Amino acid sequence: MARDNVDLGIVPFSAPLKIHPANGFWIYDDRLVIAEDWHAELWIDDTDSIAVYQRTWNLLRESAVFGTEAQRVITQTQLRS
């Protein structure tokens, strides 16, 4: 099933990072961020905080690979295990 609104990127272990990911988060329609921490799932809906997560996502996206390159990274990982 195709999803037109989902981009799957892979950040290779060798990629230079401008920011290190601290926790998992999902951005929904620029109105909600759901962040997971050790002790809680946080539902964040204020504009300033959402902007922080959007900037974080953009920095991580710069280090990610997509499409054929992402498939190559996954294949290499499978071959090494």
C-alpha atoms as a PDB file:
ATOM      1  CA  MET A   1       0.000   0.000   0.000  1.00  0.00           C
ATOM      2  CA  ALA A   2       1.469   3.373  -1.030  1.00  0.00           C
ATOM      3  CA  ARG A   3       1.442   6.355   1.313  1.00  0.00           C
ATOM      4  CA  ASP A   4       1.894   9.671  -0.487  1.00  0.00           C
ATOM      5  CA  ASN A   5       2.423  11.584   2.735  1.00  0.00           C
ATOM      6  CA  VAL A   6       5.163   9.430   4.275  1.00  0.00           C
ATOM      7  CA  ASP A   7       8.888   9.723   3.570  1.00  0.00           C
ATOM      8  CA  LEU A   8      11.027   6.964   4.992  1.00  0.00           C
ATOM      9  CA  GLY A   9      14.616   8.007   5.481  1.00  0.00           C
ATOM     10  CA  ILE A  10      17.484   6.095   7.013  1.00  0.00           C
ATOM     11  CA  VAL A  11      20.279   7.824   8.912  1.00  0.00           C
ATOM     12  CA  PRO A  12      23.356   5.651   8.328  1.00  0.00           C
ATOM     13  CA  PHE A  13      25.634   5.036  11.306  1.00  0.00           C
ATOM     14  CA  SER A  14      28.443   6.736   9.358  1.00  0.00           C
ATOM     15  CA  ALA A  15      26.431   9.895   8.609  1.00  0.00           C
ATOM     16  CA  PRO A  16      27.623  13.152  10.120  1.00  0.00           C
ATOM     17  CA  LEU A  17      24.924  14.551  12.417  1.00  0.00           C
ATOM     18  CA  LYS A  18      24.255  18.186  13.248  1.00  0.00           C
ATOM     19  CA  ILE A  19      22.116  17.024  16.175  1.00  0.00           C
ATOM     20  CA  HIS A  20      21.927  13.672  17.919  1.00  0.00           C
ATOM     21  CA  PRO A  21      18.466  12.122  18.286  1.00  0.00           C
ATOM     22  CA  ALA A  22      17.453  12.007  21.917  1.00  0.00           C
ATOM     23  CA  ASN A  23      14.011  10.419  21.766  1.00  0.00           C
ATOM     24  CA  GLY A  24      11.412   9.252  19.296  1.00  0.00           C
ATOM     25  CA  PHE A  25       8.826  11.722  18.073  1.00  0.00           C
ATOM     26  CA  TRP A  26       6.103  12.082  15.471  1.00  0.00           C
ATOM     27  CA  ILE A  27       4.914  15.335  13.915  1.00  0.00           C
ATOM     28  CA  TYR A  28       1.241  15.433  12.908  1.00  0.00           C
ATOM     29  CA  ASP A  29       0.036  18.171  10.547  1.00  0.00           C
ATOM     30  CA  ASP A  30       2.026  20.956  12.256  1.00  0.00           C
ATOM     31  CA  ARG A  31      -0.551  20.851  15.066  1.00  0.00           C
ATOM     32  CA  LEU A  32       0.697  18.065  17.283  1.00  0.00           C
ATOM     33  CA  VAL A  33       3.947  16.378  18.232  1.00  0.00           C
ATOM     34  CA  ILE A  34       3.933  13.129  20.166  1.00  0.00           C
ATOM     35  CA  ALA A  35       7.267  12.527  21.870  1.00  0.00           C
ATOM     36  CA  GLU A  36       8.281   9.432  23.794  1.00  0.00           C
ATOM     37  CA  ASP A  37      10.516   9.681  26.803  1.00  0.00           C
ATOM     38  CA  TRP A  38      11.587   7.093  29.380  1.00  0.00           C
ATOM     39  CA  HIS A  39       8.713   7.874  31.669  1.00  0.00           C
ATOM     40  CA  ALA A  40       5.942   9.319  29.501  1.00  0.00           C
ATOM     41  CA  GLU A  41       4.375   9.913  26.135  1.00  0.00           C
ATOM     42  CA  LEU A  42       4.105  13.666  25.675  1.00  0.00           C
ATOM     43  CA  TRP A  43       1.427  15.310  23.509  1.00  0.00           C
ATOM     44  CA  ILE A  44       2.780  18.715  22.535  1.00  0.00           C
ATOM     45  CA  ASP A  45       0.497  21.199  20.808  1.00  0.00           C
ATOM     46  CA  ASP A  46       1.946  24.662  21.408  1.00  0.00           C
ATOM     47  CA  THR A  47       3.362  26.384  18.322  1.00  0.00           C
ATOM     48  CA  ASP A  48       6.803  27.208  19.737  1.00  0.00           C
ATOM     49  CA  SER A  49       7.490  23.643  20.872  1.00  0.00           C
ATOM     50  CA  ILE A  50       6.254  22.178  17.589  1.00  0.00           C
ATOM     51  CA  ALA A  51       8.686  24.516  15.804  1.00  0.00           C
ATOM     52  CA  VAL A  52      11.564  23.072  17.868  1.00  0.00           C
ATOM     53  CA  TYR A  53      10.652  19.537  16.791  1.00  0.00           C
ATOM     54  CA  GLN A  54      10.288  20.656  13.167  1.00  0.00           C
ATOM     55  CA  ARG A  55      13.790  22.174  13.242  1.00  0.00           C
ATOM     56  CA  THR A  56      15.120  18.982  14.839  1.00  0.00           C
ATOM     57  CA  TRP A  57      13.469  16.887  12.135  1.00  0.00           C
ATOM     58  CA  ASN A  58      14.950  19.091   9.396  1.00  0.00           C
ATOM     59  CA  LEU A  59      18.454  18.697  10.846  1.00  0.00           C
ATOM     60  CA  LEU A  60      18.082  14.904  11.072  1.00  0.00           C
ATOM     61  CA  ARG A  61      16.640  14.779   7.536  1.00  0.00           C
ATOM     62  CA  GLU A  62      19.804  16.428   6.193  1.00  0.00           C
ATOM     63  CA  SER A  63      21.781  13.365   7.348  1.00  0.00           C
ATOM     64  CA  ALA A  64      19.279  10.795   6.069  1.00  0.00           C
ATOM     65  CA  VAL A  65      19.255   8.920   2.791  1.00  0.00           C
ATOM     66  CA  PHE A  66      16.112   8.041   0.866  1.00  0.00           C
ATOM     67  CA  GLY A  67      14.933   5.744  -1.911  1.00  0.00           C
ATOM     68  CA  THR A  68      17.557   3.523  -3.531  1.00  0.00           C
ATOM     69  CA  GLU A  69      20.312   4.744  -1.218  1.00  0.00           C
ATOM     70  CA  ALA A  70      18.203   3.884   1.849  1.00  0.00           C
ATOM     71  CA  GLN A  71      17.553   0.414   0.419  1.00  0.00           C
ATOM     72  CA  ARG A  72      21.310  -0.038  -0.052  1.00  0.00           C
ATOM     73  CA  VAL A  73      21.964   0.859   3.604  1.00  0.00           C
ATOM     74  CA  ILE A  74      19.323  -1.640   4.770  1.00  0.00           C
ATOM     75  CA  THR A  75      20.742  -4.371   2.513  1.00  0.00           C
ATOM     76  CA  GLN A  76      24.284  -3.782   3.801  1.00  0.00           C
ATOM     77  CA  THR A  77      23.031  -3.984   7.375  1.00  0.00           C
ATOM     78  CA  GLN A  78      21.281  -7.290   6.669  1.00  0.00           C
ATOM     79  CA  LEU A  79      24.392  -8.747   5.047  1.00  0.00           C
ATOM     80  CA  ARG A  80      26.510  -7.894   8.106  1.00  0.00           C
ATOM     81  CA  SER A  81      24.209  -9.552  10.629  1.00  0.00           C
END
